[in-house]
Every structure is written in structure tokens, then in C-alpha cells.
Amino acid sequence: MSSTGSTYGDIHRYEPARESTAAAIAIVLLTVVEVVFVGLFTYGLIGGWGYTAVGNMYLGSVLAVIFIDLAFILLLYRKEFLPDVMIVKKRRRKWEDLYVRQDQQDGVDSLGNAWDQFKRAVYPYYKK
């Protein structure tokens, strides 16, 4: 679904999520595996497995598996259950600075009102 609006913040494209059942089942199974590995890591941490070299490597491997499993859960969730939305954003030129106003894009008069220039230097978002 597309819209013809071109003002800032309009939704340009909206595609709803697929919400497949297979992805939901996979997320549930990966969550169960996540809970098992977190329990194993906690048991090993409390049991003192980290004091030996082999136990320390084992705990590190279990922790790596925990984060990889979590990454797959988040990947499936983002891919299958979040909609694809593209909004219209304000386009800026590459050379434009954050403090350049539209009427000053060609520069400012260096001999202009010194008090206004001082106010803009102290507070960049000052408006006339």
C-alpha cells in the first residue's frame, strides 16, 4: 500500500507483517532453548565451573550460544511480525550544516547587526 503524500512524516509505503505460524512456533522453541541455556549458565556460574580453565571456556561457549539464540529470536520476530513501513523524511544537502537557515544558505553579511550575530552564536536556534 502506497500513499501519494510527500510531506514530512507521511507514510510512503506500508506492508503488513506476514505473521506465519511456523515462525511463531520457531520463536517459542528457540525461547525454550534459550531458557535451558540460561539455566545451565546460571547453574555453572553458581557451581563454580569458571574457576577451572575448561569450565571457564565452557561457560563462555554457553554464553555465546545464549546470545546467538537470542539473535535468531529477534531476527525471526523482526522479519515475520513487524510491518515494513517507509516514511517520508526531510532531505538535506550534504554541505548543509545544522545551524544554516534557508535565508542564509548563501552566507551572512559580516557587517550586519552585531547583536543578532552574537545571539545566534550563543544560541544557534534563535529566530528573528
N, C-alpha and C. Protein backbone atom coordinates (compact mmCIF):
# COMPACT_ATOMS: atom_id res chain seq x y z
N MET A 1 0.84 -1.16 0.00
CA MET A 1 0.00 0.00 0.00
C MET A 1 0.89 1.23 0.00
N SER A 2 0.69 2.12 -0.92
CA SER A 2 1.47 3.34 -1.02
C SER A 2 0.56 4.55 -0.92
N SER A 3 1.14 5.64 -0.46
CA SER A 3 0.39 6.89 -0.42
C SER A 3 1.07 7.91 -1.31
N THR A 4 0.33 8.94 -1.67
CA THR A 4 0.88 9.96 -2.55
C THR A 4 1.38 11.15 -1.77
N GLY A 5 1.27 11.14 -0.44
CA GLY A 5 1.72 12.27 0.37
C GLY A 5 3.22 12.43 0.31
N SER A 6 3.65 13.68 0.22
CA SER A 6 5.08 13.93 0.15
C SER A 6 5.53 14.88 1.25
N THR A 7 4.68 15.14 2.23
CA THR A 7 5.09 15.99 3.33
C THR A 7 5.83 15.16 4.36
N TYR A 8 6.58 15.84 5.17
CA TYR A 8 7.41 15.18 6.17
C TYR A 8 6.57 14.37 7.14
N GLY A 9 6.89 13.11 7.32
CA GLY A 9 6.19 12.25 8.25
C GLY A 9 5.09 11.41 7.64
N ASP A 10 4.73 11.63 6.37
CA ASP A 10 3.71 10.81 5.74
C ASP A 10 4.25 9.40 5.50
N ILE A 11 3.36 8.42 5.58
CA ILE A 11 3.76 7.04 5.32
C ILE A 11 3.78 6.85 3.81
N HIS A 12 4.94 6.51 3.29
CA HIS A 12 5.11 6.33 1.85
C HIS A 12 4.74 4.92 1.43
N ARG A 13 5.15 3.93 2.24
CA ARG A 13 4.84 2.53 1.92
C ARG A 13 4.59 1.79 3.22
N TYR A 14 3.54 0.96 3.24
CA TYR A 14 3.22 0.16 4.41
C TYR A 14 2.86 -1.24 3.94
N GLU A 15 3.67 -2.20 4.33
CA GLU A 15 3.38 -3.59 4.02
C GLU A 15 3.19 -4.32 5.34
N PRO A 16 2.02 -4.92 5.57
CA PRO A 16 1.79 -5.60 6.85
C PRO A 16 2.70 -6.83 7.01
N ALA A 17 2.87 -7.23 8.25
CA ALA A 17 3.72 -8.39 8.54
C ALA A 17 3.04 -9.68 8.10
N ARG A 18 3.87 -10.70 7.83
CA ARG A 18 3.32 -11.99 7.38
C ARG A 18 2.67 -12.77 8.51
N GLU A 19 3.24 -12.71 9.69
CA GLU A 19 2.73 -13.39 10.89
C GLU A 19 2.49 -14.87 10.64
N SER A 20 3.53 -15.58 10.20
CA SER A 20 3.39 -17.00 9.91
C SER A 20 3.40 -17.83 11.19
N THR A 21 2.68 -18.94 11.15
CA THR A 21 2.59 -19.83 12.29
C THR A 21 3.92 -20.56 12.52
N ALA A 22 4.59 -20.89 11.44
CA ALA A 22 5.88 -21.58 11.56
C ALA A 22 6.90 -20.70 12.30
N ALA A 23 6.89 -19.42 12.02
CA ALA A 23 7.80 -18.51 12.71
C ALA A 23 7.45 -18.40 14.18
N ALA A 24 6.16 -18.39 14.51
CA ALA A 24 5.74 -18.32 15.91
C ALA A 24 6.18 -19.57 16.66
N ILE A 25 6.02 -20.73 16.03
CA ILE A 25 6.46 -21.98 16.67
C ILE A 25 7.97 -22.00 16.84
N ALA A 26 8.70 -21.52 15.82
CA ALA A 26 10.16 -21.47 15.91
C ALA A 26 10.60 -20.53 17.02
N ILE A 27 9.92 -19.39 17.18
CA ILE A 27 10.27 -18.46 18.25
C ILE A 27 10.02 -19.08 19.62
N VAL A 28 8.92 -19.81 19.76
CA VAL A 28 8.63 -20.47 21.04
C VAL A 28 9.69 -21.53 21.35
N LEU A 29 10.05 -22.34 20.35
CA LEU A 29 11.07 -23.37 20.57
C LEU A 29 12.43 -22.76 20.88
N LEU A 30 12.80 -21.71 20.17
CA LEU A 30 14.07 -21.04 20.46
C LEU A 30 14.06 -20.39 21.85
N THR A 31 12.90 -19.92 22.28
CA THR A 31 12.80 -19.36 23.62
C THR A 31 12.98 -20.43 24.69
N VAL A 32 12.43 -21.62 24.45
CA VAL A 32 12.63 -22.73 25.39
C VAL A 32 14.10 -23.11 25.46
N VAL A 33 14.76 -23.18 24.29
CA VAL A 33 16.19 -23.47 24.25
C VAL A 33 16.97 -22.38 24.98
N GLU A 34 16.55 -21.13 24.81
CA GLU A 34 17.20 -20.00 25.49
C GLU A 34 17.11 -20.15 27.00
N VAL A 35 15.94 -20.50 27.49
CA VAL A 35 15.75 -20.66 28.93
C VAL A 35 16.60 -21.80 29.47
N VAL A 36 16.71 -22.89 28.71
CA VAL A 36 17.55 -24.02 29.13
C VAL A 36 19.01 -23.60 29.22
N PHE A 37 19.51 -22.90 28.23
CA PHE A 37 20.91 -22.48 28.26
C PHE A 37 21.17 -21.43 29.33
N VAL A 38 20.23 -20.55 29.59
CA VAL A 38 20.39 -19.58 30.68
C VAL A 38 20.43 -20.30 32.02
N GLY A 39 19.58 -21.29 32.18
CA GLY A 39 19.61 -22.09 33.41
C GLY A 39 20.93 -22.83 33.57
N LEU A 40 21.43 -23.41 32.48
CA LEU A 40 22.71 -24.11 32.52
C LEU A 40 23.85 -23.15 32.86
N PHE A 41 23.83 -21.95 32.27
CA PHE A 41 24.86 -20.96 32.56
C PHE A 41 24.80 -20.52 34.02
N THR A 42 23.59 -20.30 34.53
CA THR A 42 23.44 -19.89 35.91
C THR A 42 23.91 -20.99 36.87
N TYR A 43 23.55 -22.23 36.57
CA TYR A 43 23.98 -23.36 37.39
C TYR A 43 25.51 -23.48 37.38
N GLY A 44 26.11 -23.31 36.22
CA GLY A 44 27.56 -23.39 36.13
C GLY A 44 28.25 -22.24 36.83
N LEU A 45 27.65 -21.07 36.79
CA LEU A 45 28.22 -19.91 37.46
C LEU A 45 28.15 -20.07 38.98
N ILE A 46 27.02 -20.56 39.47
CA ILE A 46 26.87 -20.77 40.91
C ILE A 46 27.73 -21.96 41.36
N GLY A 47 27.83 -22.98 40.51
CA GLY A 47 28.60 -24.18 40.85
C GLY A 47 30.10 -23.98 40.82
N GLY A 48 30.57 -22.85 40.33
CA GLY A 48 31.99 -22.58 40.34
C GLY A 48 32.75 -23.19 39.18
N TRP A 49 32.09 -23.42 38.06
CA TRP A 49 32.77 -24.01 36.90
C TRP A 49 33.80 -23.04 36.31
N GLY A 50 33.65 -21.77 36.59
CA GLY A 50 34.53 -20.77 36.00
C GLY A 50 35.92 -20.72 36.60
N TYR A 51 36.16 -21.46 37.69
CA TYR A 51 37.46 -21.43 38.33
C TYR A 51 38.49 -22.29 37.62
N THR A 52 38.05 -23.24 36.80
CA THR A 52 38.99 -24.06 36.03
C THR A 52 39.05 -23.53 34.61
N ALA A 53 40.10 -23.89 33.89
CA ALA A 53 40.27 -23.40 32.52
C ALA A 53 39.21 -23.97 31.59
N VAL A 54 38.96 -25.27 31.72
CA VAL A 54 37.96 -25.91 30.85
C VAL A 54 36.56 -25.41 31.18
N GLY A 55 36.26 -25.25 32.47
CA GLY A 55 34.95 -24.76 32.87
C GLY A 55 34.71 -23.33 32.43
N ASN A 56 35.77 -22.52 32.46
CA ASN A 56 35.66 -21.14 32.02
C ASN A 56 35.35 -21.07 30.52
N MET A 57 36.03 -21.91 29.73
CA MET A 57 35.74 -21.97 28.29
C MET A 57 34.33 -22.48 28.04
N TYR A 58 33.90 -23.45 28.85
CA TYR A 58 32.56 -23.99 28.70
C TYR A 58 31.51 -22.92 29.00
N LEU A 59 31.70 -22.16 30.06
CA LEU A 59 30.75 -21.08 30.38
C LEU A 59 30.75 -20.00 29.30
N GLY A 60 31.92 -19.71 28.74
CA GLY A 60 31.98 -18.73 27.65
C GLY A 60 31.25 -19.22 26.42
N SER A 61 31.38 -20.52 26.13
CA SER A 61 30.67 -21.09 24.97
C SER A 61 29.17 -21.08 25.19
N VAL A 62 28.74 -21.40 26.39
CA VAL A 62 27.30 -21.38 26.69
C VAL A 62 26.76 -19.96 26.58
N LEU A 63 27.53 -18.98 27.05
CA LEU A 63 27.11 -17.59 26.94
C LEU A 63 27.03 -17.15 25.48
N ALA A 64 27.97 -17.60 24.65
CA ALA A 64 27.92 -17.28 23.22
C ALA A 64 26.69 -17.89 22.57
N VAL A 65 26.36 -19.13 22.93
CA VAL A 65 25.16 -19.78 22.39
C VAL A 65 23.90 -19.04 22.82
N ILE A 66 23.89 -18.53 24.05
CA ILE A 66 22.74 -17.76 24.53
C ILE A 66 22.51 -16.53 23.66
N PHE A 67 23.57 -15.79 23.37
CA PHE A 67 23.41 -14.57 22.57
C PHE A 67 23.10 -14.88 21.10
N ILE A 68 23.65 -15.96 20.56
CA ILE A 68 23.33 -16.33 19.18
C ILE A 68 21.87 -16.75 19.08
N ASP A 69 21.39 -17.51 20.06
CA ASP A 69 19.98 -17.92 20.08
C ASP A 69 19.07 -16.70 20.21
N LEU A 70 19.45 -15.77 21.06
CA LEU A 70 18.67 -14.53 21.19
C LEU A 70 18.65 -13.73 19.89
N ALA A 71 19.78 -13.75 19.18
CA ALA A 71 19.83 -13.05 17.88
C ALA A 71 18.86 -13.67 16.89
N PHE A 72 18.79 -14.99 16.87
CA PHE A 72 17.85 -15.65 15.95
C PHE A 72 16.40 -15.38 16.34
N ILE A 73 16.12 -15.33 17.64
CA ILE A 73 14.75 -15.00 18.08
C ILE A 73 14.36 -13.59 17.61
N LEU A 74 15.25 -12.63 17.82
CA LEU A 74 14.96 -11.26 17.41
C LEU A 74 14.88 -11.13 15.89
N LEU A 75 15.71 -11.87 15.17
CA LEU A 75 15.67 -11.84 13.71
C LEU A 75 14.34 -12.35 13.18
N LEU A 76 13.89 -13.48 13.71
CA LEU A 76 12.59 -14.02 13.28
C LEU A 76 11.45 -13.08 13.64
N TYR A 77 11.51 -12.51 14.83
CA TYR A 77 10.44 -11.60 15.24
C TYR A 77 10.39 -10.38 14.33
N ARG A 78 11.55 -9.78 14.05
CA ARG A 78 11.58 -8.59 13.20
C ARG A 78 11.12 -8.91 11.79
N LYS A 79 11.53 -10.05 11.27
CA LYS A 79 11.21 -10.40 9.89
C LYS A 79 9.74 -10.77 9.71
N GLU A 80 9.17 -11.47 10.68
CA GLU A 80 7.83 -12.02 10.49
C GLU A 80 6.71 -11.24 11.17
N PHE A 81 7.01 -10.46 12.20
CA PHE A 81 5.93 -9.87 12.98
C PHE A 81 5.94 -8.34 13.02
N LEU A 82 6.92 -7.69 12.42
CA LEU A 82 6.92 -6.23 12.36
C LEU A 82 6.61 -5.77 10.93
N PRO A 83 5.73 -4.78 10.77
CA PRO A 83 5.40 -4.32 9.41
C PRO A 83 6.56 -3.54 8.79
N ASP A 84 6.59 -3.53 7.46
CA ASP A 84 7.60 -2.77 6.72
C ASP A 84 7.01 -1.41 6.40
N VAL A 85 7.52 -0.36 7.04
CA VAL A 85 6.97 0.98 6.90
C VAL A 85 8.09 1.90 6.41
N MET A 86 7.79 2.67 5.37
CA MET A 86 8.73 3.68 4.89
C MET A 86 8.04 5.03 5.00
N ILE A 87 8.67 5.97 5.72
CA ILE A 87 8.08 7.29 5.87
C ILE A 87 8.89 8.29 5.07
N VAL A 88 8.26 9.41 4.77
CA VAL A 88 8.93 10.47 4.03
C VAL A 88 9.75 11.28 5.01
N LYS A 89 11.02 11.46 4.69
CA LYS A 89 11.91 12.23 5.54
C LYS A 89 12.37 13.48 4.82
N LYS A 90 12.76 14.49 5.60
CA LYS A 90 13.25 15.72 5.01
C LYS A 90 14.64 15.46 4.46
N ARG A 91 14.84 15.85 3.25
CA ARG A 91 16.12 15.64 2.60
C ARG A 91 17.02 16.84 2.81
N ARG A 92 18.23 16.60 3.18
CA ARG A 92 19.20 17.67 3.40
C ARG A 92 20.32 17.55 2.39
N ARG A 93 20.86 18.71 2.04
CA ARG A 93 22.04 18.69 1.18
C ARG A 93 23.24 18.27 2.01
N LYS A 94 24.23 17.70 1.36
CA LYS A 94 25.40 17.20 2.09
C LYS A 94 26.18 18.32 2.76
N TRP A 95 26.20 19.50 2.14
CA TRP A 95 27.00 20.59 2.68
C TRP A 95 26.28 21.37 3.75
N GLU A 96 24.98 21.14 3.92
CA GLU A 96 24.20 21.93 4.86
C GLU A 96 24.60 21.61 6.29
N ASP A 97 24.80 22.63 7.05
CA ASP A 97 25.10 22.45 8.46
C ASP A 97 23.79 22.49 9.23
N LEU A 98 23.82 22.03 10.45
CA LEU A 98 22.61 22.01 11.26
C LEU A 98 22.08 23.42 11.55
N TYR A 99 22.96 24.40 11.63
CA TYR A 99 22.55 25.73 12.04
C TYR A 99 22.31 26.68 10.87
N VAL A 100 22.40 26.22 9.65
CA VAL A 100 22.20 27.09 8.49
C VAL A 100 20.70 27.21 8.23
N ARG A 101 20.22 28.44 8.21
CA ARG A 101 18.81 28.68 7.89
C ARG A 101 18.66 28.85 6.39
N GLN A 102 17.44 28.75 5.90
CA GLN A 102 17.17 28.81 4.47
C GLN A 102 17.57 30.15 3.88
N ASP A 103 17.35 31.24 4.62
CA ASP A 103 17.68 32.56 4.08
C ASP A 103 19.18 32.87 4.18
N GLN A 104 19.96 32.02 4.84
CA GLN A 104 21.38 32.26 4.99
C GLN A 104 22.23 31.23 4.25
N GLN A 105 21.66 30.52 3.30
CA GLN A 105 22.43 29.48 2.64
C GLN A 105 23.53 30.03 1.75
N ASP A 106 23.43 31.31 1.33
CA ASP A 106 24.49 31.92 0.54
C ASP A 106 25.47 32.68 1.40
N GLY A 107 25.31 32.65 2.74
CA GLY A 107 26.20 33.36 3.63
C GLY A 107 25.48 34.50 4.32
N VAL A 108 26.15 35.08 5.28
CA VAL A 108 25.57 36.21 6.02
C VAL A 108 26.47 37.42 5.84
N ASP A 109 25.88 38.58 6.04
CA ASP A 109 26.63 39.83 5.93
C ASP A 109 27.48 40.00 7.19
N SER A 110 28.77 40.10 7.02
CA SER A 110 29.65 40.20 8.18
C SER A 110 29.54 41.57 8.86
N LEU A 111 29.02 42.57 8.16
CA LEU A 111 28.87 43.89 8.76
C LEU A 111 27.44 44.15 9.20
N GLY A 112 26.65 43.09 9.35
CA GLY A 112 25.25 43.25 9.75
C GLY A 112 25.13 43.58 11.22
N ASN A 113 23.98 43.34 11.78
CA ASN A 113 23.71 43.65 13.16
C ASN A 113 24.55 42.74 14.06
N ALA A 114 25.50 43.30 14.78
CA ALA A 114 26.42 42.53 15.60
C ALA A 114 25.71 41.87 16.79
N TRP A 115 24.68 42.53 17.32
CA TRP A 115 23.97 41.95 18.47
C TRP A 115 23.22 40.68 18.06
N ASP A 116 22.57 40.68 16.89
CA ASP A 116 21.89 39.47 16.41
C ASP A 116 22.88 38.35 16.13
N GLN A 117 24.04 38.69 15.57
CA GLN A 117 25.05 37.67 15.32
C GLN A 117 25.57 37.08 16.63
N PHE A 118 25.70 37.90 17.65
CA PHE A 118 26.15 37.40 18.95
C PHE A 118 25.11 36.46 19.54
N LYS A 119 23.82 36.84 19.43
CA LYS A 119 22.76 35.97 19.95
C LYS A 119 22.72 34.63 19.22
N ARG A 120 22.94 34.65 17.90
CA ARG A 120 22.94 33.40 17.14
C ARG A 120 24.15 32.53 17.49
N ALA A 121 25.28 33.17 17.80
CA ALA A 121 26.47 32.42 18.17
C ALA A 121 26.29 31.77 19.55
N VAL A 122 25.62 32.46 20.47
CA VAL A 122 25.40 31.90 21.80
C VAL A 122 24.26 30.90 21.77
N TYR A 123 23.19 31.20 21.06
CA TYR A 123 22.02 30.32 20.99
C TYR A 123 21.69 30.10 19.54
N PRO A 124 22.13 28.96 18.94
CA PRO A 124 22.01 28.76 17.49
C PRO A 124 20.58 28.68 16.96
N TYR A 125 19.63 28.35 17.82
CA TYR A 125 18.25 28.20 17.34
C TYR A 125 17.45 29.49 17.48
N TYR A 126 18.15 30.60 17.64
CA TYR A 126 17.49 31.89 17.77
C TYR A 126 16.75 32.25 16.49
N LYS A 127 15.52 32.75 16.63
CA LYS A 127 14.73 33.14 15.45
C LYS A 127 14.49 34.63 15.50
N LYS A 128 14.42 35.23 14.31
CA LYS A 128 14.14 36.68 14.24
C LYS A 128 12.72 36.95 14.63
